[in-house]
Amino acid sequence: MSTLPPAPPQTPPALRSHLPWAIGVTLTSMLLFCILGFISGLVAIIYGWQVNRRLDAGDTDGAGDASRSANVWCWIATSLIVIGLCLVAVFFYSGGWAKYQQIMGELERIQLHG
């Protein structure tokens, strides 16, 4: 009579939650007043949090999906922050707030004097 050895316990695959990255981009976008980056960062945090929760529940497919989604949302938030910084740099390079006020003053004069 032959007996099979017991199957070794399966360890869940090591999936990255991207939670530190998600928290970092969320805080950075909040400090830079980038609303869209902040919202994207919050979505990334939620997906990153779901990775560990689903792994603990044994749902490796769901954890993999959440990990990929967290990665995508982290990249979206990072891209929005970079785009926002570029727009701020262009704003200041083109004259900044003083130039903006000058243009608005000229437009107001044109409207008043026809």
Protein backbone atom coordinates (compact mmCIF):
# COMPACT_ATOMS: atom_id res chain seq x y z
CA MET A 1 0.00 0.00 0.00
CA SER A 2 1.57 3.23 -1.09
CA THR A 3 0.67 6.53 0.38
CA LEU A 4 1.30 9.83 -1.23
CA PRO A 5 3.16 12.41 0.77
CA PRO A 6 1.01 15.31 1.83
CA ALA A 7 1.01 18.20 -0.59
CA PRO A 8 3.12 21.10 0.59
CA PRO A 9 1.07 24.09 1.62
CA GLN A 10 0.70 26.54 -1.18
CA THR A 11 2.02 29.97 -0.45
CA PRO A 12 0.26 32.85 -2.14
CA PRO A 13 2.23 34.49 -4.92
CA ALA A 14 4.16 37.61 -4.04
CA LEU A 15 2.16 40.42 -5.57
CA ARG A 16 3.09 44.05 -5.18
CA SER A 17 0.38 46.18 -3.64
CA HIS A 18 1.93 49.45 -4.89
CA LEU A 19 0.59 50.99 -1.68
CA PRO A 20 3.72 53.05 -0.82
CA TRP A 21 3.78 54.50 -4.34
CA ALA A 22 0.05 55.23 -4.21
CA ILE A 23 0.37 57.00 -0.86
CA GLY A 24 3.39 58.96 -2.12
CA VAL A 25 1.69 60.24 -5.28
CA THR A 26 -1.47 61.06 -3.34
CA LEU A 27 0.43 63.16 -0.80
CA THR A 28 2.53 64.80 -3.52
CA SER A 29 -0.52 65.71 -5.58
CA MET A 30 -2.22 67.06 -2.46
CA LEU A 31 0.80 69.27 -1.70
CA LEU A 32 0.90 70.50 -5.31
CA PHE A 33 -2.87 71.17 -5.44
CA CYS A 34 -3.29 68.67 -8.29
CA ILE A 35 -6.90 67.59 -7.81
CA LEU A 36 -6.95 64.98 -10.59
CA GLY A 37 -3.70 63.44 -9.33
CA PHE A 38 -5.15 63.33 -5.80
CA ILE A 39 -8.29 61.51 -6.97
CA SER A 40 -6.23 59.05 -9.04
CA GLY A 41 -3.97 58.48 -6.04
CA LEU A 42 -6.94 57.68 -3.83
CA VAL A 43 -8.16 55.12 -6.36
CA ALA A 44 -4.65 53.60 -6.41
CA ILE A 45 -4.65 53.40 -2.60
CA ILE A 46 -7.98 51.56 -2.63
CA TYR A 47 -6.73 49.02 -5.18
CA GLY A 48 -3.42 48.64 -3.33
CA TRP A 49 -5.27 47.96 -0.11
CA GLN A 50 -7.39 45.32 -1.85
CA VAL A 51 -4.31 43.33 -2.92
CA ASN A 52 -3.41 42.19 0.60
CA ARG A 53 -7.04 41.77 1.61
CA ARG A 54 -7.74 39.47 -1.35
CA LEU A 55 -4.52 37.51 -0.84
CA ASP A 56 -5.51 36.89 2.78
CA ALA A 57 -8.90 35.64 1.56
CA GLY A 58 -7.19 33.28 -0.92
CA ASP A 59 -8.37 35.15 -4.02
CA THR A 60 -5.10 35.24 -5.96
CA ASP A 61 -6.77 36.14 -9.25
CA GLY A 62 -8.57 39.07 -7.66
CA ALA A 63 -5.36 40.14 -5.93
CA GLY A 64 -3.53 40.08 -9.26
CA ASP A 65 -6.24 42.22 -10.85
CA ALA A 66 -6.11 44.68 -7.95
CA SER A 67 -2.31 44.84 -8.19
CA ARG A 68 -2.43 45.63 -11.90
CA SER A 69 -5.14 48.24 -11.34
CA ALA A 70 -3.14 49.87 -8.54
CA ASN A 71 -0.10 50.01 -10.85
CA VAL A 72 -2.12 51.65 -13.64
CA TRP A 73 -3.68 54.23 -11.31
CA CYS A 74 -0.27 55.03 -9.79
CA TRP A 75 1.09 55.73 -13.28
CA ILE A 76 -1.94 57.89 -14.08
CA ALA A 77 -1.48 59.92 -10.89
CA THR A 78 2.27 60.28 -11.50
CA SER A 79 1.64 61.42 -15.08
CA LEU A 80 -0.92 64.00 -13.95
CA ILE A 81 1.54 65.39 -11.41
CA VAL A 82 4.26 65.70 -14.06
CA ILE A 83 1.83 67.38 -16.50
CA GLY A 84 0.72 69.76 -13.75
CA LEU A 85 4.31 70.68 -12.92
CA CYS A 86 5.02 71.34 -16.60
CA LEU A 87 1.97 73.61 -16.83
CA VAL A 88 3.09 75.53 -13.75
CA ALA A 89 6.58 75.90 -15.22
CA VAL A 90 5.12 77.21 -18.50
CA PHE A 91 2.90 79.63 -16.56
CA PHE A 92 5.84 81.11 -14.68
CA TYR A 93 8.10 81.08 -17.72
CA SER A 94 5.52 83.07 -19.70
CA GLY A 95 5.38 85.86 -17.12
CA GLY A 96 3.50 84.39 -14.21
CA TRP A 97 0.85 86.14 -12.19
CA ALA A 98 1.94 89.67 -13.06
CA LYS A 99 1.60 88.98 -16.79
CA TYR A 100 -1.81 87.39 -16.20
CA GLN A 101 -3.02 90.47 -14.31
CA GLN A 102 -1.70 92.74 -17.06
CA ILE A 103 -3.61 90.80 -19.74
CA MET A 104 -6.81 90.83 -17.65
CA GLY A 105 -6.46 94.60 -17.13
CA GLU A 106 -6.10 95.15 -20.87
CA LEU A 107 -9.16 93.02 -21.58
CA GLU A 108 -11.17 94.95 -18.99
CA ARG A 109 -10.14 98.28 -20.56
CA ILE A 110 -11.17 97.02 -24.00
CA GLN A 111 -14.57 95.93 -22.70
CA LEU A 112 -15.21 99.22 -20.90
CA HIS A 113 -14.13 101.47 -23.75
CA GLY A 114 -15.45 99.33 -26.56
